[in-house]
Amino acid sequence: MTLLFCIEQAAIAGEVGATLISPFAGRITDFFKQKEGKTSYPPHEDPGVLSVRAIYNYIHKFGYKTIVMGASFRTAEQVVELAGCDALTVSPQLLAELQASNAEVKPKLRHETAIEAPIEKMELTEGSFKFRLNDDEMASFKLAEGIRKFAQDLVKLEANIQKLLTA
């Protein structure tokens, strides 16, 4: 599952047995930077990092087999803060930055720690899920924006395929 912006989406994905979810740390942070007029956050307070960490802990706490793959990173610090996540998709630029750095990267997310996290399991119905998603300004905005962009890309792809078929 892609275009994942909130813990409710992650909980539903875990419940239905999704193989992999990809919470978008950078896009979450982008939203809050714009909304709050900030240029950056301390890595441990970064909204995207906090979201992926919460999702990782939830998925692991309740024993879902779903792989959490953090994505859409804007800084190497975001990657370092989420070291230990099941998987991370990191751009070549950020990988090079991390490689050039002398900073030691240690796992910050751990299955054992997640199991002990003080989190309550969500019992989501379709209605409560929709209400909570709608109530989360960032998640509802970024999800709708992402769907619109995917739809635009699909139209472009179809046009390109049509050109190839008629050439």
C-alpha atoms as a PDB file:
ATOM      1  CA  MET A   1       0.000   0.000   0.000  1.00  0.00           C
ATOM      2  CA  THR A   2       1.313   3.381  -0.980  1.00  0.00           C
ATOM      3  CA  LEU A   3       0.049   6.888  -0.249  1.00  0.00           C
ATOM      4  CA  LEU A   4      -0.004   6.023   3.431  1.00  0.00           C
ATOM      5  CA  PHE A   5      -0.188   9.081   5.688  1.00  0.00           C
ATOM      6  CA  CYS A   6      -1.777   8.005   8.974  1.00  0.00           C
ATOM      7  CA  ILE A   7      -1.832   5.237  11.520  1.00  0.00           C
ATOM      8  CA  GLU A   8      -5.457   4.392  10.707  1.00  0.00           C
ATOM      9  CA  GLN A   9      -4.463   3.460   7.154  1.00  0.00           C
ATOM     10  CA  ALA A  10      -1.656   1.332   8.566  1.00  0.00           C
ATOM     11  CA  ALA A  11      -3.990  -0.399  11.026  1.00  0.00           C
ATOM     12  CA  ILE A  12      -6.449  -1.318   8.271  1.00  0.00           C
ATOM     13  CA  ALA A  13      -3.605  -2.515   6.036  1.00  0.00           C
ATOM     14  CA  GLY A  14      -2.341  -4.744   8.843  1.00  0.00           C
ATOM     15  CA  GLU A  15      -5.834  -6.095   9.496  1.00  0.00           C
ATOM     16  CA  VAL A  16      -6.343  -7.098   5.858  1.00  0.00           C
ATOM     17  CA  GLY A  17      -2.893  -8.679   5.608  1.00  0.00           C
ATOM     18  CA  ALA A  18      -1.173  -6.168   3.338  1.00  0.00           C
ATOM     19  CA  THR A  19       2.316  -7.389   2.490  1.00  0.00           C
ATOM     20  CA  LEU A  20       3.946  -3.955   2.611  1.00  0.00           C
ATOM     21  CA  ILE A  21       3.000  -0.401   3.520  1.00  0.00           C
ATOM     22  CA  SER A  22       4.979   2.661   2.605  1.00  0.00           C
ATOM     23  CA  PRO A  23       4.402   5.670   4.859  1.00  0.00           C
ATOM     24  CA  PHE A  24       5.697   8.858   3.214  1.00  0.00           C
ATOM     25  CA  ALA A  25       7.816  10.591   5.858  1.00  0.00           C
ATOM     26  CA  GLY A  26       8.967  13.439   3.635  1.00  0.00           C
ATOM     27  CA  ARG A  27       5.538  14.337   2.304  1.00  0.00           C
ATOM     28  CA  ILE A  28       4.149  14.407   5.842  1.00  0.00           C
ATOM     29  CA  THR A  29       6.959  16.725   6.898  1.00  0.00           C
ATOM     30  CA  ASP A  30       6.432  18.909   3.799  1.00  0.00           C
ATOM     31  CA  PHE A  31       2.787  19.426   4.780  1.00  0.00           C
ATOM     32  CA  PHE A  32       3.626  20.521   8.320  1.00  0.00           C
ATOM     33  CA  LYS A  33       6.511  22.752   7.239  1.00  0.00           C
ATOM     34  CA  GLN A  34       4.177  24.610   4.911  1.00  0.00           C
ATOM     35  CA  LYS A  35       1.306  24.732   7.412  1.00  0.00           C
ATOM     36  CA  GLU A  36       3.506  25.892  10.304  1.00  0.00           C
ATOM     37  CA  GLY A  37       5.847  28.102   8.277  1.00  0.00           C
ATOM     38  CA  LYS A  38       8.928  26.149   9.325  1.00  0.00           C
ATOM     39  CA  THR A  39      12.011  25.325   7.295  1.00  0.00           C
ATOM     40  CA  SER A  40      13.028  22.312   9.365  1.00  0.00           C
ATOM     41  CA  TYR A  41      12.458  20.291  12.527  1.00  0.00           C
ATOM     42  CA  PRO A  42      14.905  18.684  14.922  1.00  0.00           C
ATOM     43  CA  PRO A  43      15.144  15.080  13.621  1.00  0.00           C
ATOM     44  CA  HIS A  44      13.516  13.577  16.746  1.00  0.00           C
ATOM     45  CA  GLU A  45      10.554  16.012  16.402  1.00  0.00           C
ATOM     46  CA  ASP A  46      10.104  15.676  12.632  1.00  0.00           C
ATOM     47  CA  PRO A  47       6.394  14.976  11.955  1.00  0.00           C
ATOM     48  CA  GLY A  48       7.198  12.465   9.195  1.00  0.00           C
ATOM     49  CA  VAL A  49       9.636  10.593  11.421  1.00  0.00           C
ATOM     50  CA  LEU A  50       7.143  10.558  14.297  1.00  0.00           C
ATOM     51  CA  SER A  51       4.441   9.204  11.984  1.00  0.00           C
ATOM     52  CA  VAL A  52       6.575   6.372  10.568  1.00  0.00           C
ATOM     53  CA  ARG A  53       7.781   5.498  14.077  1.00  0.00           C
ATOM     54  CA  ALA A  54       4.195   5.320  15.372  1.00  0.00           C
ATOM     55  CA  ILE A  55       3.153   3.172  12.411  1.00  0.00           C
ATOM     56  CA  TYR A  56       6.131   0.829  12.866  1.00  0.00           C
ATOM     57  CA  ASN A  57       5.350   0.450  16.567  1.00  0.00           C
ATOM     58  CA  TYR A  58       1.660  -0.215  15.912  1.00  0.00           C
ATOM     59  CA  ILE A  59       2.282  -2.846  13.239  1.00  0.00           C
ATOM     60  CA  HIS A  60       4.874  -4.633  15.387  1.00  0.00           C
ATOM     61  CA  LYS A  61       2.981  -4.307  18.684  1.00  0.00           C
ATOM     62  CA  PHE A  62      -0.034  -6.136  17.321  1.00  0.00           C
ATOM     63  CA  GLY A  63       1.876  -8.797  15.411  1.00  0.00           C
ATOM     64  CA  TYR A  64       0.893  -7.920  11.867  1.00  0.00           C
ATOM     65  CA  LYS A  65       3.084  -9.497   9.183  1.00  0.00           C
ATOM     66  CA  THR A  66       2.961  -6.270   7.167  1.00  0.00           C
ATOM     67  CA  ILE A  67       6.374  -4.846   6.256  1.00  0.00           C
ATOM     68  CA  VAL A  68       6.779  -1.150   7.088  1.00  0.00           C
ATOM     69  CA  MET A  69       8.919   0.553   4.448  1.00  0.00           C
ATOM     70  CA  GLY A  70       9.519   4.210   5.197  1.00  0.00           C
ATOM     71  CA  ALA A  71       9.715   6.340   2.040  1.00  0.00           C
ATOM     72  CA  SER A  72       9.871   9.825   0.563  1.00  0.00           C
ATOM     73  CA  PHE A  73      12.759  11.068   2.692  1.00  0.00           C
ATOM     74  CA  ARG A  74      13.929  14.660   2.416  1.00  0.00           C
ATOM     75  CA  THR A  75      17.002  14.492   4.671  1.00  0.00           C
ATOM     76  CA  ALA A  76      19.610  11.991   5.785  1.00  0.00           C
ATOM     77  CA  GLU A  77      18.581  12.784   9.358  1.00  0.00           C
ATOM     78  CA  GLN A  78      15.109  11.372   8.687  1.00  0.00           C
ATOM     79  CA  VAL A  79      16.713   8.141   7.472  1.00  0.00           C
ATOM     80  CA  VAL A  80      18.981   7.908  10.523  1.00  0.00           C
ATOM     81  CA  GLU A  81      16.032   8.503  12.876  1.00  0.00           C
ATOM     82  CA  LEU A  82      14.185   5.562  11.283  1.00  0.00           C
ATOM     83  CA  ALA A  83      17.113   3.136  11.188  1.00  0.00           C
ATOM     84  CA  GLY A  84      15.832  -0.288  12.172  1.00  0.00           C
ATOM     85  CA  CYS A  85      12.561   0.063  10.245  1.00  0.00           C
ATOM     86  CA  ASP A  86      11.677  -3.112   8.331  1.00  0.00           C
ATOM     87  CA  ALA A  87      12.757  -1.426   5.098  1.00  0.00           C
ATOM     88  CA  LEU A  88      13.555   2.062   3.841  1.00  0.00           C
ATOM     89  CA  THR A  89      13.556   3.341   0.292  1.00  0.00           C
ATOM     90  CA  VAL A  90      16.289   5.960   0.139  1.00  0.00           C
ATOM     91  CA  SER A  91      17.361   8.101  -2.812  1.00  0.00           C
ATOM     92  CA  PRO A  92      20.884   7.731  -4.222  1.00  0.00           C
ATOM     93  CA  GLN A  93      21.607  11.323  -3.132  1.00  0.00           C
ATOM     94  CA  LEU A  94      20.758  10.601   0.514  1.00  0.00           C
ATOM     95  CA  LEU A  95      22.630   7.280   0.406  1.00  0.00           C
ATOM     96  CA  ALA A  96      25.733   9.116  -0.825  1.00  0.00           C
ATOM     97  CA  GLU A  97      25.299  11.721   1.905  1.00  0.00           C
ATOM     98  CA  LEU A  98      25.062   8.993   4.545  1.00  0.00           C
ATOM     99  CA  GLN A  99      28.056   7.164   3.113  1.00  0.00           C
ATOM    100  CA  ALA A 100      30.160  10.354   3.148  1.00  0.00           C
ATOM    101  CA  SER A 101      29.168  11.020   6.742  1.00  0.00           C
ATOM    102  CA  ASN A 102      31.155   9.691   9.677  1.00  0.00           C
ATOM    103  CA  ALA A 103      28.013   9.424  11.773  1.00  0.00           C
ATOM    104  CA  GLU A 104      27.329   6.022  13.254  1.00  0.00           C
ATOM    105  CA  VAL A 105      23.915   4.725  12.279  1.00  0.00           C
ATOM    106  CA  LYS A 106      22.320   2.548  14.947  1.00  0.00           C
ATOM    107  CA  PRO A 107      18.839   1.021  14.879  1.00  0.00           C
ATOM    108  CA  LYS A 108      16.354   3.300  16.587  1.00  0.00           C
ATOM    109  CA  LEU A 109      13.301   1.213  15.765  1.00  0.00           C
ATOM    110  CA  ARG A 110      13.205  -2.240  17.317  1.00  0.00           C
ATOM    111  CA  HIS A 111      10.571  -4.951  17.353  1.00  0.00           C
ATOM    112  CA  GLU A 112      11.168  -5.551  21.072  1.00  0.00           C
ATOM    113  CA  THR A 113      10.628  -1.885  21.915  1.00  0.00           C
ATOM    114  CA  ALA A 114       7.500  -1.716  19.754  1.00  0.00           C
ATOM    115  CA  ILE A 115       5.941  -4.657  21.604  1.00  0.00           C
ATOM    116  CA  GLU A 116       6.326  -2.749  24.884  1.00  0.00           C
ATOM    117  CA  ALA A 117       4.951   0.543  23.491  1.00  0.00           C
ATOM    118  CA  PRO A 118       1.879   1.868  25.343  1.00  0.00           C
ATOM    119  CA  ILE A 119      -0.440   1.709  22.333  1.00  0.00           C
ATOM    120  CA  GLU A 120      -4.070   0.633  22.273  1.00  0.00           C
ATOM    121  CA  LYS A 121      -5.390  -1.377  19.368  1.00  0.00           C
ATOM    122  CA  MET A 122      -7.853   0.483  17.165  1.00  0.00           C
ATOM    123  CA  GLU A 123     -11.174  -1.157  16.439  1.00  0.00           C
ATOM    124  CA  LEU A 124     -11.997   0.583  13.191  1.00  0.00           C
ATOM    125  CA  THR A 125     -15.243   0.256  11.293  1.00  0.00           C
ATOM    126  CA  GLU A 126     -15.644   1.728   7.834  1.00  0.00           C
ATOM    127  CA  GLY A 127     -17.410   4.711   9.381  1.00  0.00           C
ATOM    128  CA  SER A 128     -14.895   5.344  12.144  1.00  0.00           C
ATOM    129  CA  PHE A 129     -12.015   4.952   9.679  1.00  0.00           C
ATOM    130  CA  LYS A 130     -13.533   7.512   7.300  1.00  0.00           C
ATOM    131  CA  PHE A 131     -14.269   9.895  10.181  1.00  0.00           C
ATOM    132  CA  ARG A 132     -10.722   9.676  11.562  1.00  0.00           C
ATOM    133  CA  LEU A 133      -9.135  10.039   8.119  1.00  0.00           C
ATOM    134  CA  ASN A 134     -11.317  13.061   7.366  1.00  0.00           C
ATOM    135  CA  ASP A 135     -10.467  14.543  10.769  1.00  0.00           C
ATOM    136  CA  ASP A 136      -6.730  14.318   9.972  1.00  0.00           C
ATOM    137  CA  GLU A 137      -6.168  17.373   7.766  1.00  0.00           C
ATOM    138  CA  MET A 138      -2.714  16.289   6.612  1.00  0.00           C
ATOM    139  CA  ALA A 139      -3.641  12.676   5.819  1.00  0.00           C
ATOM    140  CA  SER A 140      -6.825  13.545   3.934  1.00  0.00           C
ATOM    141  CA  PHE A 141      -5.103  16.339   1.983  1.00  0.00           C
ATOM    142  CA  LYS A 142      -1.982  14.332   1.062  1.00  0.00           C
ATOM    143  CA  LEU A 143      -4.017  11.239   0.141  1.00  0.00           C
ATOM    144  CA  ALA A 144      -6.306  13.223  -2.170  1.00  0.00           C
ATOM    145  CA  GLU A 145      -3.331  15.056  -3.673  1.00  0.00           C
ATOM    146  CA  GLY A 146      -1.515  11.782  -4.308  1.00  0.00           C
ATOM    147  CA  ILE A 147      -4.537  10.172  -5.942  1.00  0.00           C
ATOM    148  CA  ARG A 148      -4.956  13.191  -8.227  1.00  0.00           C
ATOM    149  CA  LYS A 149      -1.281  13.004  -9.246  1.00  0.00           C
ATOM    150  CA  PHE A 150      -1.523   9.258  -9.924  1.00  0.00           C
ATOM    151  CA  ALA A 151      -4.629   9.878 -12.052  1.00  0.00           C
ATOM    152  CA  GLN A 152      -2.799  12.590 -14.045  1.00  0.00           C
ATOM    153  CA  ASP A 153       0.141  10.232 -14.586  1.00  0.00           C
ATOM    154  CA  LEU A 154      -2.237   7.507 -15.773  1.00  0.00           C
ATOM    155  CA  VAL A 155      -3.729   9.848 -18.390  1.00  0.00           C
ATOM    156  CA  LYS A 156      -0.190  10.700 -19.605  1.00  0.00           C
ATOM    157  CA  LEU A 157       0.766   7.026 -19.724  1.00  0.00           C
ATOM    158  CA  GLU A 158      -2.355   6.103 -21.691  1.00  0.00           C
ATOM    159  CA  ALA A 159      -1.655   8.920 -24.172  1.00  0.00           C
ATOM    160  CA  ASN A 160       1.932   7.733 -24.638  1.00  0.00           C
ATOM    161  CA  ILE A 161       0.792   4.149 -25.175  1.00  0.00           C
ATOM    162  CA  GLN A 162      -1.788   5.330 -27.702  1.00  0.00           C
ATOM    163  CA  LYS A 163       0.941   7.233 -29.586  1.00  0.00           C
ATOM    164  CA  LEU A 164       3.094   4.084 -29.702  1.00  0.00           C
ATOM    165  CA  LEU A 165       0.194   1.985 -30.950  1.00  0.00           C
ATOM    166  CA  THR A 166      -0.695   4.410 -33.726  1.00  0.00           C
ATOM    167  CA  ALA A 167       2.894   5.102 -34.846  1.00  0.00           C
END
